[in-house]
Each structure stands twice: as structure tokens, then as C-alpha cells.
Protein backbone atom coordinates (compact mmCIF):
# COMPACT_ATOMS: atom_id res chain seq x y z
CA MET A 1 0.00 0.00 0.00
CA PRO A 2 1.24 3.57 -0.55
CA ALA A 3 2.60 5.49 2.38
CA LEU A 4 0.50 7.09 5.03
CA ALA A 5 1.88 10.36 6.29
CA ALA A 6 3.74 10.39 9.59
CA ILE A 7 1.51 11.38 12.46
CA ASP A 8 2.11 14.63 14.29
CA GLY A 9 4.87 14.07 16.83
CA VAL A 10 5.62 15.57 20.20
CA PRO A 11 7.92 18.62 19.98
CA GLY A 12 11.43 17.95 21.19
CA LYS A 13 11.13 14.16 20.91
CA GLN A 14 12.92 11.92 18.41
CA GLU A 15 10.60 11.32 15.46
CA LEU A 16 9.68 7.94 14.03
CA VAL A 17 10.36 8.38 10.34
CA VAL A 18 7.96 7.11 7.69
CA GLU A 19 9.22 6.63 4.16
CA SER A 20 7.26 5.52 1.12
CA ALA A 21 7.97 3.22 -1.76
CA LYS A 22 5.73 2.11 -4.58
CA GLY A 23 3.21 -0.36 -3.21
CA SER A 24 4.50 -0.42 0.36
CA LEU A 25 4.46 1.33 3.69
CA PHE A 26 7.52 0.91 5.85
CA LEU A 27 9.88 2.43 8.34
CA SER A 28 13.50 2.43 7.28
CA PRO A 29 15.69 0.61 9.87
CA THR A 30 18.22 3.45 9.72
CA ALA A 31 16.19 6.35 8.39
CA GLN A 32 17.53 9.85 9.01
CA THR A 33 15.27 12.21 10.92
CA PRO A 34 15.20 15.92 10.06
CA THR A 35 17.71 16.43 12.91
CA GLY A 36 20.08 13.79 11.55
CA VAL A 37 19.37 11.26 14.32
CA LYS A 38 18.91 7.67 13.19
CA ALA A 39 15.49 6.14 13.91
CA HIS A 40 15.35 2.37 14.38
CA ARG A 41 12.32 0.14 14.14
CA MET A 42 10.41 -0.62 17.31
CA ASN A 43 8.28 -3.71 17.94
CA VAL A 44 4.49 -3.89 18.04
CA ILE A 45 2.44 -6.87 19.19
CA VAL A 46 -1.20 -7.00 18.14
CA PHE A 47 -3.26 -9.66 19.92
CA GLU A 48 -6.72 -11.15 19.64
CA ASP A 49 -8.81 -11.40 22.80
CA SER A 50 -11.70 -13.75 23.56
CA ALA A 51 -14.26 -11.27 22.17
CA VAL A 52 -12.86 -11.57 18.66
CA ARG A 53 -15.20 -14.43 17.76
CA SER A 54 -18.17 -12.09 18.13
CA LEU A 55 -17.07 -10.51 14.84
CA GLY A 56 -18.35 -13.66 13.16
CA VAL A 57 -17.84 -14.55 9.51
CA LEU A 58 -15.49 -11.64 8.84
CA VAL A 59 -12.73 -13.08 11.04
CA THR A 60 -13.16 -16.84 10.60
CA MET A 61 -10.20 -17.02 8.22
CA ARG A 62 -8.27 -13.89 9.14
CA PRO A 63 -7.10 -12.02 12.24
CA ALA A 64 -9.35 -9.12 13.23
CA CYS A 65 -6.40 -6.76 12.80
CA ASP A 66 -6.34 -7.61 9.07
CA LEU A 67 -9.80 -6.27 8.31
CA LEU A 68 -9.83 -3.29 5.95
CA ILE A 69 -11.43 -0.44 7.91
CA GLY A 70 -11.27 3.01 6.38
CA SER A 71 -8.57 2.54 3.77
CA VAL A 72 -6.18 0.51 5.88
CA SER A 73 -6.04 -2.49 8.20
CA LEU A 74 -4.84 -2.12 11.78
CA VAL A 75 -1.71 -4.14 10.99
CA GLU A 76 -0.86 -1.82 8.11
CA ALA A 77 -1.50 1.28 10.24
CA LEU A 78 0.70 -0.08 13.05
CA GLN A 79 3.57 -0.45 10.58
CA LEU A 80 3.97 3.29 11.06
CA PHE A 81 5.59 2.36 14.38
CA GLY A 82 7.67 -0.64 13.34
CA GLU A 83 7.53 -4.41 12.94
CA VAL A 84 4.12 -5.85 13.75
CA HIS A 85 3.81 -9.30 15.32
CA ARG A 86 0.37 -10.92 15.43
CA VAL A 87 -0.74 -13.13 18.31
CA ALA A 88 -3.82 -14.61 16.68
CA ARG A 89 -6.05 -17.63 17.26
CA PRO A 90 -4.18 -20.96 17.01
CA HIS A 91 -5.27 -21.90 13.47
CA LEU A 92 -4.25 -18.47 12.17
CA GLY A 93 -0.95 -18.57 14.03
CA ARG A 94 -0.16 -21.93 12.46
CA TYR A 95 -1.09 -20.54 9.06
CA LEU A 96 1.24 -17.55 9.29
CA THR A 97 4.07 -19.74 10.54
CA ALA A 98 3.60 -22.27 7.73
CA LEU A 99 3.34 -19.52 5.12
CA ALA A 100 6.75 -18.28 6.35
CA GLY A 101 6.66 -15.15 4.21
CA GLU A 102 6.74 -17.17 0.97
CA ARG A 103 3.59 -15.42 -0.26
CA VAL A 104 1.14 -12.83 1.05
CA PRO A 105 -1.56 -14.28 3.31
CA LEU A 106 -4.97 -14.98 1.80
CA TRP A 107 -6.24 -11.65 3.09
CA GLY A 108 -3.46 -9.76 1.30
CA GLY A 109 -1.67 -8.14 4.25
CA PRO A 110 1.93 -8.44 5.45
CA GLY A 111 3.30 -11.61 7.05
CA ASN A 112 4.65 -12.03 10.57
CA PRO A 113 8.28 -11.17 11.46
CA ARG A 114 10.28 -14.13 12.76
CA SER A 115 11.43 -12.49 16.00
CA LEU A 116 11.52 -9.23 17.94
CA ALA A 117 13.90 -6.61 16.56
CA THR A 118 16.84 -5.84 18.85
CA PRO A 119 16.38 -2.57 20.78
CA ALA A 120 18.89 0.13 19.89
CA SER A 121 17.46 3.27 21.46
CA ARG A 122 14.83 4.49 23.91
CA HIS A 123 12.15 4.34 21.23
CA THR A 124 13.06 0.87 20.01
CA SER A 125 13.21 -0.52 23.55
CA THR A 126 9.53 0.45 23.85
CA VAL A 127 7.10 -2.27 22.80
CA LEU A 128 3.51 -1.40 21.99
CA VAL A 129 0.88 -4.09 22.61
CA VAL A 130 -2.47 -3.46 20.87
CA ASN A 131 -5.85 -5.19 20.83
CA ALA A 132 -6.65 -6.54 17.34
CA ARG A 133 -10.22 -5.17 17.60
CA LEU A 134 -9.02 -1.56 17.75
CA VAL A 135 -10.47 0.58 14.96
CA PRO A 136 -7.52 2.12 13.05
CA THR A 137 -8.79 5.68 12.92
CA ALA A 138 -6.34 8.55 12.56
CA GLU A 139 -7.27 9.55 16.14
CA ALA A 140 -6.44 6.07 17.45
CA ILE A 141 -3.04 6.01 15.74
CA ARG A 142 -2.26 9.46 17.12
CA GLY A 143 -3.33 8.26 20.58
CA LEU A 144 -0.99 5.27 20.35
CA ARG A 145 1.76 7.58 19.17
CA ARG A 146 1.34 9.70 22.30
CA LEU A 147 1.65 6.59 24.48
CA VAL A 148 4.87 5.61 22.72
CA GLU A 149 6.34 9.11 22.97
CA ALA A 150 5.56 9.27 26.70
CA GLY A 151 7.41 5.98 27.17
CA GLU A 152 5.62 5.14 30.43
CA ARG A 153 4.98 1.47 31.25
CA GLY A 154 1.30 0.80 31.64
CA VAL A 155 -2.04 -0.26 30.21
CA VAL A 156 -5.15 1.29 28.68
CA PHE A 157 -8.58 -0.23 29.29
CA ARG A 158 -11.97 0.65 27.83
CA ALA A 159 -15.16 -0.85 29.31
CA GLY A 160 -13.14 -3.60 30.96
CA ALA A 161 -11.29 -4.60 27.77
CA LEU A 162 -7.54 -4.19 27.31
CA VAL A 163 -6.93 -1.74 24.46
CA ALA A 164 -3.15 -1.28 24.63
CA ALA A 165 -0.08 -1.67 26.78
CA VAL A 166 3.38 -0.13 26.73
CA LEU A 167 6.34 -2.21 27.93
CA GLN A 168 10.09 -1.56 27.99
CA ARG A 169 12.74 -4.03 26.87
CA SER A 170 16.16 -4.15 28.45
CA LYS A 171 19.18 -2.98 26.45
CA SER A 172 21.66 -4.46 28.92
CA GLY A 173 21.66 -7.94 27.42
CA HIS A 174 19.88 -9.38 30.44
CA ASP A 175 16.15 -10.09 30.23
CA SER A 176 13.91 -7.87 32.32
CA ALA A 177 10.46 -8.90 33.52
CA ASP A 178 9.03 -7.13 30.48
CA ASP A 179 11.36 -9.06 28.15
CA THR A 180 10.25 -12.35 29.68
CA ALA A 181 6.60 -11.37 29.33
CA LEU A 182 7.02 -10.35 25.69
CA LYS A 183 8.77 -13.59 24.79
CA ALA A 184 5.96 -15.51 26.48
CA MET A 185 3.36 -13.62 24.44
CA LEU A 186 5.02 -14.59 21.17
CA SER A 187 5.67 -18.20 22.17
CA HIS A 188 2.12 -18.98 23.31
CA PRO A 189 -0.70 -19.82 20.87
CA GLY A 190 -3.37 -17.17 20.68
CA VAL A 191 -6.80 -17.22 22.26
CA ALA A 192 -8.55 -20.56 21.66
CA THR A 193 -12.24 -21.43 21.59
CA GLY A 194 -13.71 -21.39 25.09
CA MET A 195 -11.02 -19.19 26.63
CA ARG A 196 -12.32 -16.26 28.65
CA GLU A 197 -8.95 -14.54 28.70
CA SER A 198 -6.30 -14.45 26.00
CA PRO A 199 -2.74 -15.54 26.82
CA VAL A 200 -1.54 -11.95 26.27
CA GLU A 201 -4.03 -10.60 28.83
CA ARG A 202 -3.07 -13.30 31.32
CA ILE A 203 0.65 -12.64 30.85
CA LEU A 204 0.15 -8.90 31.35
CA ALA A 205 -1.92 -9.53 34.49
CA GLU A 206 0.84 -11.73 35.92
CA LEU A 207 3.46 -9.12 35.00
CA GLY A 208 1.41 -6.39 36.68
CA SER A 209 1.17 -8.41 39.87
CA ARG A 210 4.99 -8.51 40.06
CA GLN A 211 5.81 -5.08 38.63
CA PRO A 212 2.70 -2.83 38.68
CA LEU A 213 1.61 -1.35 35.37
CA ASN A 214 0.23 2.18 35.45
CA ASP A 215 -3.18 3.16 34.11
CA LEU A 216 -2.10 5.32 31.18
CA ALA A 217 -3.86 8.59 30.48
CA SER A 218 -5.42 8.64 27.02
CA ASP A 219 -8.18 10.25 25.01
CA GLU A 220 -11.35 8.33 25.86
CA ALA A 221 -12.83 8.91 22.38
CA ALA A 222 -9.71 7.92 20.43
CA PHE A 223 -9.81 4.19 21.16
CA ARG A 224 -12.78 2.15 20.01
CA LEU A 225 -13.04 -1.65 19.87
CA VAL A 226 -15.44 -3.36 17.47
CA GLU A 227 -17.60 -5.96 19.19
CA GLN A 228 -19.92 -7.37 16.51
CA SER A 229 -19.81 -7.79 12.76
CA HIS A 230 -22.22 -4.96 11.97
CA GLU A 231 -20.02 -2.60 14.02
CA VAL A 232 -17.23 -3.16 11.47
CA VAL A 233 -19.44 -1.40 8.91
CA THR A 234 -19.99 1.50 11.32
CA ALA A 235 -16.29 1.64 12.21
CA HIS A 236 -15.39 1.88 8.54
CA GLU A 237 -17.72 4.84 8.08
CA HIS A 238 -16.06 6.64 10.99
CA ALA A 239 -12.51 5.84 9.88
CA LEU A 240 -12.50 6.48 6.14
CA ALA A 241 -12.18 10.28 5.99
CA GLY A 242 -9.27 10.43 8.45
CA SER A 243 -7.57 7.50 6.79
CA LEU A 244 -7.73 9.17 3.38
CA ALA A 245 -6.45 12.43 4.88
CA MET A 246 -3.36 10.59 6.12
CA ARG A 247 -2.80 9.16 2.66
CA LEU A 248 -3.11 12.57 1.03
CA ASP A 249 -0.71 14.10 3.56
CA SER A 250 1.94 11.61 2.39
CA GLY A 251 2.29 13.53 -0.91
CA HIS A 252 1.97 10.28 -2.86
CA PHE A 253 -1.11 11.39 -4.82
CA ALA A 254 -1.64 14.19 -7.34
CA GLU A 255 -4.98 15.96 -7.75
CA THR A 256 -5.77 15.43 -11.43
CA GLN A 257 -9.20 17.02 -11.25
CA PRO A 258 -11.13 18.56 -8.37
CA GLY A 259 -11.54 15.91 -5.69
CA LEU A 260 -9.65 13.15 -7.55
CA PHE A 261 -6.22 12.20 -6.18
CA VAL A 262 -4.27 9.67 -8.21
CA ALA A 263 -1.00 7.78 -7.79
CA SER A 264 1.38 8.31 -10.68
CA THR A 265 1.05 4.78 -12.11
CA ALA A 266 -2.75 4.56 -11.93
CA LYS A 267 -4.83 4.65 -15.12
CA VAL A 268 -7.94 6.83 -15.02
CA SER A 269 -10.14 7.33 -18.06
CA SER A 270 -10.68 10.92 -19.12
CA HIS A 271 -14.42 10.19 -19.07
CA VAL A 272 -14.54 9.55 -15.32
CA VAL A 273 -16.86 11.91 -13.42
CA VAL A 274 -16.10 12.97 -9.84
CA ARG A 275 -19.13 14.41 -8.06
CA GLY A 276 -17.38 14.93 -4.75
CA GLY A 277 -14.09 14.11 -3.06
CA PRO A 278 -11.81 12.96 -1.93
CA VAL A 279 -11.48 9.99 -4.25
CA VAL A 280 -8.01 8.47 -3.76
CA VAL A 281 -6.66 5.99 -6.32
CA GLY A 282 -3.69 3.72 -5.55
CA ASP A 283 -0.77 2.60 -7.69
CA ASP A 284 -1.58 0.71 -10.90
CA ALA A 285 -5.33 0.88 -10.35
CA ASP A 286 -7.45 1.11 -13.51
CA LEU A 287 -10.69 3.14 -13.66
CA GLY A 288 -12.80 2.56 -16.77
CA PRO A 289 -14.69 5.22 -18.75
CA PHE A 290 -18.08 6.62 -17.79
CA THR A 291 -17.54 5.80 -14.13
CA CYS A 292 -19.14 8.10 -11.55
CA LEU A 293 -17.25 8.58 -8.29
CA GLU A 294 -18.52 10.23 -5.11
CA GLY A 295 -16.06 10.53 -2.25
CA PRO A 296 -14.88 9.71 0.22
CA VAL A 297 -13.64 6.67 -1.72
CA TRP A 298 -10.48 4.56 -1.67
CA ILE A 299 -9.48 2.49 -4.72
CA GLY A 300 -6.59 0.22 -3.79
CA GLU A 301 -3.49 -0.76 -5.72
CA ARG A 302 -4.09 -2.72 -8.93
CA ALA A 303 -7.86 -2.62 -8.43
CA ILE A 304 -9.98 -2.47 -11.59
CA VAL A 305 -13.20 -0.46 -11.79
CA SER A 306 -15.45 -1.51 -14.68
CA PRO A 307 -16.80 1.07 -17.15
CA HIS A 308 -20.19 2.60 -16.30
CA SER A 309 -19.76 1.93 -12.56
CA TRP A 310 -21.18 4.12 -9.79
CA ILE A 311 -18.87 4.18 -6.78
CA ARG A 312 -20.71 6.03 -4.05
CA PRO A 313 -19.58 7.68 -0.78
CA GLY A 314 -17.94 5.56 1.90
CA THR A 315 -16.56 2.86 -0.40
CA ALA A 316 -13.14 1.23 -0.06
CA VAL A 317 -11.89 -1.26 -2.64
CA GLY A 318 -8.96 -3.42 -1.56
CA HIS A 319 -5.91 -4.03 -3.71
CA ASP A 320 -6.21 -6.43 -6.66
CA SER A 321 -10.01 -6.42 -6.55
CA ARG A 322 -12.40 -5.86 -9.43
CA VAL A 323 -15.52 -3.81 -8.96
CA GLY A 324 -18.45 -2.69 -11.06
CA GLY A 325 -22.11 -1.77 -10.86
CA GLU A 326 -23.28 0.34 -7.93
CA VAL A 327 -21.32 0.22 -4.66
CA GLN A 328 -22.14 2.39 -1.65
CA ALA A 329 -20.55 2.69 1.81
CA SER A 330 -18.99 -0.76 1.52
CA VAL A 331 -15.63 -2.46 1.91
CA ILE A 332 -14.41 -4.94 -0.67
CA GLU A 333 -11.35 -6.72 0.69
CA PRO A 334 -8.33 -7.57 -1.53
CA PHE A 335 -8.52 -10.13 -4.37
CA THR A 336 -12.34 -10.09 -4.65
CA ASN A 337 -14.42 -10.01 -7.84
CA LYS A 338 -17.53 -7.86 -8.19
CA PRO A 339 -17.08 -6.61 -11.76
CA HIS A 340 -20.71 -6.73 -12.93
CA ASP A 341 -23.93 -4.78 -12.42
CA GLY A 342 -25.76 -5.09 -9.13
CA TYR A 343 -26.07 -3.06 -5.95
CA LEU A 344 -23.75 -3.58 -2.96
CA GLY A 345 -24.52 -1.23 -0.09
CA TYR A 346 -23.43 -0.79 3.54
CA SER A 347 -21.66 -4.14 3.39
CA HIS A 348 -18.31 -5.73 4.12
CA VAL A 349 -17.07 -8.40 1.70
CA GLY A 350 -14.06 -10.62 2.38
CA SER A 351 -11.18 -11.69 0.14
CA TRP A 352 -11.35 -14.14 -2.77
CA VAL A 353 -15.12 -13.67 -2.93
CA ASN A 354 -16.98 -13.80 -6.24
CA ILE A 355 -20.10 -11.62 -6.46
CA ALA A 356 -21.89 -12.74 -9.61
CA ALA A 357 -23.72 -10.53 -12.09
CA GLY A 358 -26.99 -9.09 -10.86
CA THR A 359 -26.33 -9.81 -7.18
CA ASN A 360 -28.01 -7.20 -4.99
CA THR A 361 -27.95 -6.46 -1.29
CA GLY A 362 -30.84 -4.98 0.59
CA SER A 363 -29.71 -2.18 2.90
CA LEU A 364 -32.95 -0.48 3.99
CA LYS A 365 -36.01 -2.24 5.38
CA ALA A 366 -39.39 -1.59 3.77
CA SER A 367 -40.50 -0.17 7.12
CA TYR A 368 -37.47 2.19 7.20
CA GLY A 369 -36.85 0.85 10.71
CA PRO A 370 -33.56 -0.29 12.29
CA VAL A 371 -32.10 -3.55 11.02
CA ARG A 372 -32.18 -6.53 13.37
CA GLN A 373 -30.08 -9.66 12.88
CA HIS A 374 -31.34 -13.07 13.91
CA THR A 375 -29.13 -16.05 14.73
CA ILE A 376 -30.34 -19.62 15.22
CA GLN A 377 -28.56 -21.14 18.21
CA ALA A 378 -27.43 -24.76 18.56
CA ASP A 379 -30.50 -25.54 20.69
CA GLY A 380 -32.85 -24.16 18.03
CA SER A 381 -33.60 -20.89 19.81
CA ARG A 382 -33.30 -17.56 18.02
CA GLN A 383 -31.07 -14.73 19.20
CA THR A 384 -31.83 -11.19 18.07
CA VAL A 385 -29.20 -8.49 17.71
CA HIS A 386 -30.39 -4.89 17.52
CA THR A 387 -27.87 -3.14 15.26
CA HIS A 388 -29.42 0.33 15.73
CA ARG A 389 -28.58 0.94 12.06
CA GLN A 390 -31.17 2.05 9.54
CA PHE A 391 -28.85 1.09 6.66
CA LEU A 392 -27.08 -2.27 6.77
CA GLY A 393 -26.32 -4.67 3.94
CA ALA A 394 -24.43 -7.97 4.15
CA VAL A 395 -21.24 -9.19 5.76
CA VAL A 396 -19.63 -11.85 3.59
CA GLY A 397 -16.80 -14.12 4.68
CA ASP A 398 -13.67 -14.90 2.68
CA LEU A 399 -13.96 -17.27 -0.32
CA ALA A 400 -17.79 -17.03 -0.45
CA LYS A 401 -19.62 -16.95 -3.79
CA THR A 402 -22.99 -15.86 -5.13
CA SER A 403 -24.73 -17.06 -8.27
CA VAL A 404 -26.28 -14.78 -10.88
CA THR A 405 -29.12 -12.55 -9.59
CA THR A 406 -28.66 -13.49 -5.94
CA SER A 407 -30.52 -11.36 -3.39
CA LEU A 408 -28.95 -10.75 0.03
CA ALA A 409 -31.26 -9.36 2.72
CA CYS A 410 -30.51 -6.50 5.12
CA GLY A 411 -28.10 -7.77 7.75
CA ALA A 412 -27.31 -11.04 5.95
CA ARG A 413 -24.24 -12.99 7.05
CA VAL A 414 -22.58 -15.38 4.62
CA GLY A 415 -19.96 -17.74 6.02
CA VAL A 416 -16.52 -18.43 4.56
CA ALA A 417 -16.45 -20.57 1.40
CA ALA A 418 -20.27 -20.65 1.30
CA THR A 419 -22.11 -20.57 -2.03
CA VAL A 420 -25.53 -18.89 -2.26
CA GLY A 421 -28.11 -18.12 -4.91
CA GLY A 422 -31.66 -16.86 -5.34
CA GLU A 423 -33.07 -15.27 -2.20
CA ALA A 424 -30.36 -16.21 0.26
CA PRO A 425 -31.29 -16.78 3.91
CA GLU A 426 -30.22 -14.24 6.50
CA GLN A 427 -27.52 -16.55 7.90
CA VAL A 428 -25.48 -19.01 5.82
CA ALA A 429 -23.00 -21.33 7.52
CA ALA A 430 -19.39 -21.70 6.41
CA PHE A 431 -18.80 -24.04 3.43
CA LEU A 432 -22.57 -24.50 2.91
CA ASN A 433 -23.50 -24.78 -0.77
CA LEU A 434 -27.13 -23.78 -1.29
CA LEU A 435 -26.87 -24.53 -5.03
CA THR A 436 -26.46 -28.25 -4.29
CA GLY A 437 -29.26 -28.55 -1.80
CA GLY A 438 -27.28 -27.53 1.27
CA SER A 439 -24.30 -29.91 1.16
CA ARG A 440 -20.98 -28.76 2.58
CA THR A 441 -18.12 -27.90 0.28
CA THR A 442 -15.06 -29.90 1.32
CA PRO A 443 -11.72 -28.23 2.09
CA GLU A 444 -10.29 -29.91 -1.02
CA GLN A 445 -13.06 -28.50 -3.22
CA ALA A 446 -12.59 -25.03 -1.70
CA ALA A 447 -8.84 -25.23 -2.35
CA THR A 448 -9.43 -26.22 -5.97
CA MET A 449 -11.71 -23.23 -6.56
CA LEU A 450 -9.24 -20.94 -4.78
CA ASP A 451 -6.40 -22.23 -6.95
CA ARG A 452 -8.40 -21.42 -10.09
CA MET A 453 -9.10 -17.89 -8.83
CA MET A 454 -5.49 -17.34 -7.86
CA ALA A 455 -4.23 -18.50 -11.25
CA ARG A 456 -6.04 -15.54 -12.84
CA ARG A 457 -3.86 -13.24 -10.74
CA GLY A 458 -0.61 -15.09 -11.29
CA MET A 459 -0.68 -16.74 -7.86
CA ALA A 460 -0.93 -20.32 -6.61
CA VAL A 461 -2.37 -22.07 -3.59
CA HIS A 462 0.20 -22.70 -0.84
CA HIS A 463 0.12 -25.84 1.30
CA ALA A 464 -0.57 -23.50 4.24
CA ASP A 465 -3.81 -22.39 2.51
CA ARG A 466 -4.97 -26.00 2.28
CA ASP A 467 -4.18 -26.60 5.95
CA LEU A 468 -6.03 -23.42 6.94
CA LEU A 469 -9.10 -24.47 4.97
CA ALA A 470 -9.04 -27.88 6.66
CA ASP A 471 -8.70 -26.27 10.10
CA VAL A 472 -11.55 -23.83 9.49
CA TRP A 473 -13.75 -26.56 8.01
CA ALA A 474 -13.25 -28.72 11.10
CA GLU A 475 -13.81 -25.83 13.52
CA THR A 476 -16.96 -24.57 11.80
CA SER A 477 -18.32 -28.12 11.73
CA THR A 478 -18.09 -28.08 15.53
CA ILE A 479 -19.34 -24.58 16.31
CA GLY A 480 -21.74 -24.10 13.41
CA GLY A 481 -19.69 -21.70 11.25
């Protein structure tokens, strides 16, 4: 992804330097600050807590920190600080380890570093620990920056949930209590099904009992954790404008017409109409003629927008995705296909999804009332979630597919690798194929379809992908997907 601008620092403190390169965001290990002082990379640990499963189909096959919210995932935003290490659920941890950096993960984000970077200064001895459910707004990233600049050991809680912690590594060569705790975080599997407390939270609690951790002062409004899948849609709406502002501040984009900001290698037809900005277009993206764009909108790197499309306010298209028709206030994660006509509104769609021609989402009830979601429990009872949203489309898990002219109701949830058609039910379990009478797609069949999709983008299925599909298939068979 192109660079985000460095966040405002604290006067008189050493700056963390952000540099940009085509298609990437990174901190140089020995970048020169404006004062000539070298800035080294610090370490960041982002962890999933037990509440992550409440995000449902969106996080079955990816860590919560790898959801595109605004125009960036939390992992990508945290790269402003340094190397980011995920402590995710066990099946995702195994996947990242097996992938070993040989290819981007299925969700298109960065891999996991192999070990903590060696501290070389006060800033790099600081380690930032962040909850994977944190919404990566510009305000949140600035709030984390203030915690890092202050350098005080401690924790931040919101409504009883751990948001962030700041620890200090020893530079003496001898492990401190914080060093021991950090190594334990990275060596333990992440939060497993049935756990009430994640290993990271437990380790921090044990550390605090030996060496008290301060309650760190922070802006109450800056840190927000998503708790349910429909809140991801709301979080995206809140985050997009600030996220695009950070991109524009990087200087990576030129305004080619009022409201349209384009990377130098993007292709934009002269017949594109911009009815309001900002519309920000990433490297090597391709926007076809007679497309209407209404910002705020993010079009990611190498994304393709079909001719005659209507991309409406609040939309973010992930890198290497293809989009067409009418899209409003929605996120399309990387590597997904929605190139044909059809309305997608107030929705969040995972990676490697195929949205067939004529597929439409409902987003407003006929009564104009708030959308409620209903879930059938294992005992047959029905749970109702009041979203308090008047507009809500569908949340669609990774690898899902629709057939031609599928209708998705307000608040629909489609599980990973599910296949739906016609008037789809409100809730579709993972791997369920409604086109074959409700049989379950096997992991092998899902891998075959994924391999065919990847081949169209010059990629291939990795053995780690097959293992992940098998793990998710087994887990969703047990808990109902």
C-alpha cells in the first residue's frame, strides 16, 4: 500500500520516520530524521482477545487486525511504528508460521516477522501491545503515538477490555520482567475457543502483579473496539475520511481534477466523473470510462473499476479487486471479484469472494426501521441483535460466492467458502452450498476453486492455505460456522 503520512509528533522528541515506496508502507531501519538522528524500528504486538469471535464470519479465516477499515487495516496502520507481530487464534498462528513469508496471506496483508527486533534506542526498547479489535482511525493512531512518545509502562482499558499496553525491553543484554513477558506472548498460541482470557491478557496480568503497570492517560474517544460484525461497517464509516487524509498528507497522490487524487502509475479514463471528493486511487489501479465517483472513496493498488460503474460515498476497494455496478458505503477486501452490475450497499465483503452478475444487497427495510439480525442457536432458539442501524447490507466471509441474480437481505451474514443463490437466507454457515441442496463444500473443493481464482492473478495455492481451509472446516463443523 502507498505510504501514510507520519503522524504529528511531540515537539522535542525523536521522530519515528515514515518513508514511502511504490506499493508499500515501511519504516527504514536506519532512516535519518530531520535532525540527523537515526530512527530504528520498534516492535508492536497485536493480539486477539476472547471477544474476537463475536465478529463472526469476517474473522473466521483472518485475524481481526487484518480487516480493511477506512482505507487501511490495523496491521498496516501499526507499521507506522515498526515491525508488527500478530498473536492470533491458534489456526491463524499456524497458518502464518507455515506460510513463512513465501507469499502474502490470503487476506493480502503483510506476514509475521520471525522475532523481535533488537532494541537500539529508547524508542526501540519500547514495545507497543495493541488489541486486534481496535479501529484504526487517525485519532487512534495518534493516541498510540502519544503513548509511545511518553514511554511510560502501563495499560489502557476501555469498558473492561484491554486496548493497549506499553512495555520496555532491556538494552543491557539481560532479560527484564518485560522481556520475559514479551517472549511468552510470542511463544504462546493465541486465544482458543472457550477461553475467557487471552494468553496476552493473562501474561500482562501476571506481570502487573509482580511489577505494577500504570493506568495510562489517554483520550477516551480515540480508542474504540469493534464488538460485533455490523459494528465493522460502522467503524469503517467513521474511519475512512481520516484514513484518506493521512494518505493525502503523504504527498503520494496528485490531484488530477477537483476531488480526484491519483498515484502516478494509476490509469484513469478521461471520461470519469467525480461528483465529490476525496477519491483516492492507488498505484496501478485502472478506472474505466463513464464511471461516476462520489467521495470519500479509496481504490486500492491494482484494483480495476469496470466502465459505467457508480462508486458512491464511503466505499473502499482493496488491492487487486475488481468492482463494477453500484457500490455504496462498503468495503471490498483484496482479491475479490464484483465486476458486474448489481447493488452492494453498507456491506463488508471478504477476500477471494466472487459476487456474480446481478447480485443485490438490501440495505434499507421496507419499514425504514432499524435492522435486526437473527441467529439460530445450537438448541434451536433464536437470538436477536439490535444493530441500531437504519442502513445495513451484508457481511460476507472470505472465499464465499454468489450465483447470478442473488438477493442478500438486510443484515445477511454469509460464512466463509459458502455458495448462495436466489433469495439467500439471513444466515449461511461456512462451506454451505445452497446450489447443491445444502451440502458442505469440502476443504479440497474449496482449495481447488481458490487455486483457479489465484491462477487468474498469477498466484498459486500454498500448502498453508490448504491446511487453513481444513482447520476452518473442522472448527466450523463443531461450532456451526
